[in-house]
């Protein structure tokens, strides 16, 4: 069993070699972190702890940086259910006429995609079943 002092020492060594794990403070560090993430995910299972730590640092920077403020604001306004439906449509090469069994007629699907109507619980359950995904991906 590792002793707390040994774990702390190892963490210190890692963060001294890779200080961006504890925080990213510039655009160049952000780019460095993204490049490193690309390398780490090549051997995902072996690098999982580093991927998670680096992912947290990247997320904190992107959430707090003024550089991403407008983007984050726009992201906050996106309806997750509609965005998920659009991705599925794109992935499967579908259009508004392909959802009569899950949502309804083409006009209803168009209204959902335009944000004029919301997907109902029944729509989401139908879509989740069709695409073999958890209904949670729509929230």
C-alpha atoms as a PDB file:
ATOM      1  CA  UNK A   1       0.000   0.000   0.000  1.00  0.00           C
ATOM      2  CA  UNK A   2       1.290   3.455  -0.886  1.00  0.00           C
ATOM      3  CA  UNK A   3       1.869   5.847   1.944  1.00  0.00           C
ATOM      4  CA  UNK A   4       0.314   9.301   1.689  1.00  0.00           C
ATOM      5  CA  UNK A   5       3.751  10.949   1.642  1.00  0.00           C
ATOM      6  CA  UNK A   6       4.826   8.783  -1.314  1.00  0.00           C
ATOM      7  CA  UNK A   7       1.671   9.628  -3.270  1.00  0.00           C
ATOM      8  CA  UNK A   8       2.147  13.325  -2.554  1.00  0.00           C
ATOM      9  CA  UNK A   9       5.767  13.094  -3.717  1.00  0.00           C
ATOM     10  CA  UNK A  10       4.716  11.366  -6.970  1.00  0.00           C
ATOM     11  CA  UNK A  11       2.067  14.005  -7.586  1.00  0.00           C
ATOM     12  CA  UNK A  12       4.692  16.696  -7.068  1.00  0.00           C
ATOM     13  CA  UNK A  13       7.012  15.071  -9.598  1.00  0.00           C
ATOM     14  CA  UNK A  14       4.235  14.795 -12.179  1.00  0.00           C
ATOM     15  CA  UNK A  15       3.061  18.384 -11.762  1.00  0.00           C
ATOM     16  CA  UNK A  16       6.630  19.728 -11.816  1.00  0.00           C
ATOM     17  CA  UNK A  17       7.147  17.997 -15.172  1.00  0.00           C
ATOM     18  CA  UNK A  18       3.707  18.913 -16.465  1.00  0.00           C
ATOM     19  CA  UNK A  19       2.534  22.091 -14.708  1.00  0.00           C
ATOM     20  CA  UNK A  20      -0.456  22.533 -17.034  1.00  0.00           C
ATOM     21  CA  UNK A  21      -2.143  19.717 -15.095  1.00  0.00           C
ATOM     22  CA  UNK A  22      -2.695  22.139 -12.231  1.00  0.00           C
ATOM     23  CA  UNK A  23      -3.921  24.972 -14.407  1.00  0.00           C
ATOM     24  CA  UNK A  24      -3.701  26.584 -17.817  1.00  0.00           C
ATOM     25  CA  UNK A  25      -3.122  30.318 -17.875  1.00  0.00           C
ATOM     26  CA  UNK A  26      -2.521  31.255 -21.510  1.00  0.00           C
ATOM     27  CA  UNK A  27      -3.559  30.492 -25.048  1.00  0.00           C
ATOM     28  CA  UNK A  28      -0.199  28.852 -25.749  1.00  0.00           C
ATOM     29  CA  UNK A  29      -0.552  26.574 -22.711  1.00  0.00           C
ATOM     30  CA  UNK A  30      -4.069  25.745 -23.886  1.00  0.00           C
ATOM     31  CA  UNK A  31      -2.739  24.741 -27.312  1.00  0.00           C
ATOM     32  CA  UNK A  32       0.016  22.712 -25.636  1.00  0.00           C
ATOM     33  CA  UNK A  33      -2.590  20.944 -23.478  1.00  0.00           C
ATOM     34  CA  UNK A  34      -4.757  20.128 -26.506  1.00  0.00           C
ATOM     35  CA  UNK A  35      -1.756  18.737 -28.390  1.00  0.00           C
ATOM     36  CA  UNK A  36      -0.783  16.626 -25.390  1.00  0.00           C
ATOM     37  CA  UNK A  37      -4.354  15.363 -25.076  1.00  0.00           C
ATOM     38  CA  UNK A  38      -4.232  14.220 -28.708  1.00  0.00           C
ATOM     39  CA  UNK A  39      -1.126  12.185 -27.897  1.00  0.00           C
ATOM     40  CA  UNK A  40      -2.445  10.771 -24.632  1.00  0.00           C
ATOM     41  CA  UNK A  41      -5.686   9.459 -26.111  1.00  0.00           C
ATOM     42  CA  UNK A  42      -3.714   7.308 -28.545  1.00  0.00           C
ATOM     43  CA  UNK A  43      -3.153   4.968 -25.569  1.00  0.00           C
ATOM     44  CA  UNK A  44      -6.312   5.784 -23.658  1.00  0.00           C
ATOM     45  CA  UNK A  45      -6.313   2.989 -21.086  1.00  0.00           C
ATOM     46  CA  UNK A  46      -2.663   3.523 -20.126  1.00  0.00           C
ATOM     47  CA  UNK A  47      -3.106   7.292 -19.794  1.00  0.00           C
ATOM     48  CA  UNK A  48      -6.559   7.534 -18.244  1.00  0.00           C
ATOM     49  CA  UNK A  49      -5.482   9.343 -15.065  1.00  0.00           C
ATOM     50  CA  UNK A  50      -3.486  11.923 -17.022  1.00  0.00           C
ATOM     51  CA  UNK A  51      -6.312  12.313 -19.554  1.00  0.00           C
ATOM     52  CA  UNK A  52      -8.789  13.042 -16.775  1.00  0.00           C
ATOM     53  CA  UNK A  53      -6.494  15.505 -15.005  1.00  0.00           C
ATOM     54  CA  UNK A  54      -5.578  17.286 -18.232  1.00  0.00           C
ATOM     55  CA  UNK A  55      -9.216  17.270 -19.358  1.00  0.00           C
ATOM     56  CA  UNK A  56     -10.201  18.980 -16.103  1.00  0.00           C
ATOM     57  CA  UNK A  57      -7.508  21.639 -16.595  1.00  0.00           C
ATOM     58  CA  UNK A  58      -8.646  22.259 -20.189  1.00  0.00           C
ATOM     59  CA  UNK A  59     -12.290  22.485 -19.118  1.00  0.00           C
ATOM     60  CA  UNK A  60     -11.482  24.972 -16.328  1.00  0.00           C
ATOM     61  CA  UNK A  61      -9.514  27.157 -18.734  1.00  0.00           C
ATOM     62  CA  UNK A  62     -12.228  27.061 -21.407  1.00  0.00           C
ATOM     63  CA  UNK A  63     -14.935  27.801 -18.830  1.00  0.00           C
ATOM     64  CA  UNK A  64     -13.069  30.733 -17.261  1.00  0.00           C
ATOM     65  CA  UNK A  65     -11.130  32.299 -20.135  1.00  0.00           C
ATOM     66  CA  UNK A  66     -12.467  35.543 -21.607  1.00  0.00           C
ATOM     67  CA  UNK A  67     -11.338  34.135 -24.937  1.00  0.00           C
ATOM     68  CA  UNK A  68     -14.163  31.558 -24.781  1.00  0.00           C
ATOM     69  CA  UNK A  69     -16.805  33.779 -23.185  1.00  0.00           C
ATOM     70  CA  UNK A  70     -18.904  34.362 -26.329  1.00  0.00           C
ATOM     71  CA  UNK A  71     -18.641  30.705 -27.322  1.00  0.00           C
ATOM     72  CA  UNK A  72     -19.675  29.539 -23.853  1.00  0.00           C
ATOM     73  CA  UNK A  73     -22.625  31.930 -23.891  1.00  0.00           C
ATOM     74  CA  UNK A  74     -23.817  30.557 -27.245  1.00  0.00           C
ATOM     75  CA  UNK A  75     -23.337  26.997 -25.992  1.00  0.00           C
ATOM     76  CA  UNK A  76     -25.524  27.732 -22.994  1.00  0.00           C
ATOM     77  CA  UNK A  77     -28.367  28.730 -25.283  1.00  0.00           C
ATOM     78  CA  UNK A  78     -28.319  25.525 -27.334  1.00  0.00           C
ATOM     79  CA  UNK A  79     -31.147  23.068 -26.728  1.00  0.00           C
ATOM     80  CA  UNK A  80     -29.346  19.790 -26.010  1.00  0.00           C
ATOM     81  CA  UNK A  81     -32.208  17.648 -27.314  1.00  0.00           C
ATOM     82  CA  UNK A  82     -32.326  19.465 -30.643  1.00  0.00           C
ATOM     83  CA  UNK A  83     -28.539  19.433 -30.972  1.00  0.00           C
ATOM     84  CA  UNK A  84     -28.504  15.690 -30.301  1.00  0.00           C
ATOM     85  CA  UNK A  85     -31.238  15.107 -32.860  1.00  0.00           C
ATOM     86  CA  UNK A  86     -29.318  17.150 -35.453  1.00  0.00           C
ATOM     87  CA  UNK A  87     -26.148  15.134 -34.817  1.00  0.00           C
ATOM     88  CA  UNK A  88     -28.047  11.860 -35.171  1.00  0.00           C
ATOM     89  CA  UNK A  89     -29.672  13.086 -38.366  1.00  0.00           C
ATOM     90  CA  UNK A  90     -26.276  14.017 -39.772  1.00  0.00           C
ATOM     91  CA  UNK A  91     -24.637  10.753 -38.655  1.00  0.00           C
ATOM     92  CA  UNK A  92     -27.364   8.624 -40.199  1.00  0.00           C
ATOM     93  CA  UNK A  93     -28.026  10.776 -43.285  1.00  0.00           C
ATOM     94  CA  UNK A  94     -31.643  11.432 -42.278  1.00  0.00           C
ATOM     95  CA  UNK A  95     -33.983  14.327 -42.974  1.00  0.00           C
ATOM     96  CA  UNK A  96     -37.231  15.649 -41.537  1.00  0.00           C
ATOM     97  CA  UNK A  97     -39.349  13.057 -43.347  1.00  0.00           C
ATOM     98  CA  UNK A  98     -37.617  10.144 -41.594  1.00  0.00           C
ATOM     99  CA  UNK A  99     -39.148  10.590 -38.134  1.00  0.00           C
ATOM    100  CA  UNK A 100     -42.855   9.980 -38.580  1.00  0.00           C
ATOM    101  CA  UNK A 101     -42.825   7.045 -36.124  1.00  0.00           C
ATOM    102  CA  UNK A 102     -40.742   8.844 -33.495  1.00  0.00           C
ATOM    103  CA  UNK A 103     -41.898  12.478 -33.657  1.00  0.00           C
ATOM    104  CA  UNK A 104     -44.585  12.905 -36.277  1.00  0.00           C
ATOM    105  CA  UNK A 105     -45.019  14.559 -39.626  1.00  0.00           C
ATOM    106  CA  UNK A 106     -42.300  16.525 -41.400  1.00  0.00           C
ATOM    107  CA  UNK A 107     -43.806  19.832 -40.226  1.00  0.00           C
ATOM    108  CA  UNK A 108     -43.577  18.772 -36.570  1.00  0.00           C
ATOM    109  CA  UNK A 109     -39.955  17.690 -36.980  1.00  0.00           C
ATOM    110  CA  UNK A 110     -39.161  21.012 -38.678  1.00  0.00           C
ATOM    111  CA  UNK A 111     -40.744  22.919 -35.792  1.00  0.00           C
ATOM    112  CA  UNK A 112     -38.699  20.927 -33.277  1.00  0.00           C
ATOM    113  CA  UNK A 113     -35.485  21.592 -35.199  1.00  0.00           C
ATOM    114  CA  UNK A 114     -36.318  25.299 -35.412  1.00  0.00           C
ATOM    115  CA  UNK A 115     -36.952  25.484 -31.667  1.00  0.00           C
ATOM    116  CA  UNK A 116     -40.645  26.292 -32.067  1.00  0.00           C
ATOM    117  CA  UNK A 117     -41.736  23.010 -30.474  1.00  0.00           C
ATOM    118  CA  UNK A 118     -40.064  20.864 -27.833  1.00  0.00           C
ATOM    119  CA  UNK A 119     -39.418  17.173 -27.953  1.00  0.00           C
ATOM    120  CA  UNK A 120     -41.775  15.405 -25.578  1.00  0.00           C
ATOM    121  CA  UNK A 121     -40.839  12.586 -23.257  1.00  0.00           C
ATOM    122  CA  UNK A 122     -42.479  10.169 -25.706  1.00  0.00           C
ATOM    123  CA  UNK A 123     -40.473  11.585 -28.634  1.00  0.00           C
ATOM    124  CA  UNK A 124     -37.250  11.201 -26.683  1.00  0.00           C
ATOM    125  CA  UNK A 125     -38.048   7.625 -25.671  1.00  0.00           C
ATOM    126  CA  UNK A 126     -38.880   6.778 -29.303  1.00  0.00           C
ATOM    127  CA  UNK A 127     -35.663   8.366 -30.574  1.00  0.00           C
ATOM    128  CA  UNK A 128     -33.563   6.671 -27.913  1.00  0.00           C
ATOM    129  CA  UNK A 129     -35.058   3.304 -28.858  1.00  0.00           C
ATOM    130  CA  UNK A 130     -34.532   3.888 -32.585  1.00  0.00           C
ATOM    131  CA  UNK A 131     -30.885   4.874 -32.225  1.00  0.00           C
ATOM    132  CA  UNK A 132     -30.022   2.534 -29.362  1.00  0.00           C
ATOM    133  CA  UNK A 133     -28.944   5.321 -27.023  1.00  0.00           C
ATOM    134  CA  UNK A 134     -29.890   6.323 -23.520  1.00  0.00           C
ATOM    135  CA  UNK A 135     -32.646   8.929 -23.298  1.00  0.00           C
ATOM    136  CA  UNK A 136     -30.171  10.880 -21.151  1.00  0.00           C
ATOM    137  CA  UNK A 137     -28.242  11.965 -24.266  1.00  0.00           C
ATOM    138  CA  UNK A 138     -31.141  14.297 -25.061  1.00  0.00           C
ATOM    139  CA  UNK A 139     -30.776  16.218 -21.770  1.00  0.00           C
END
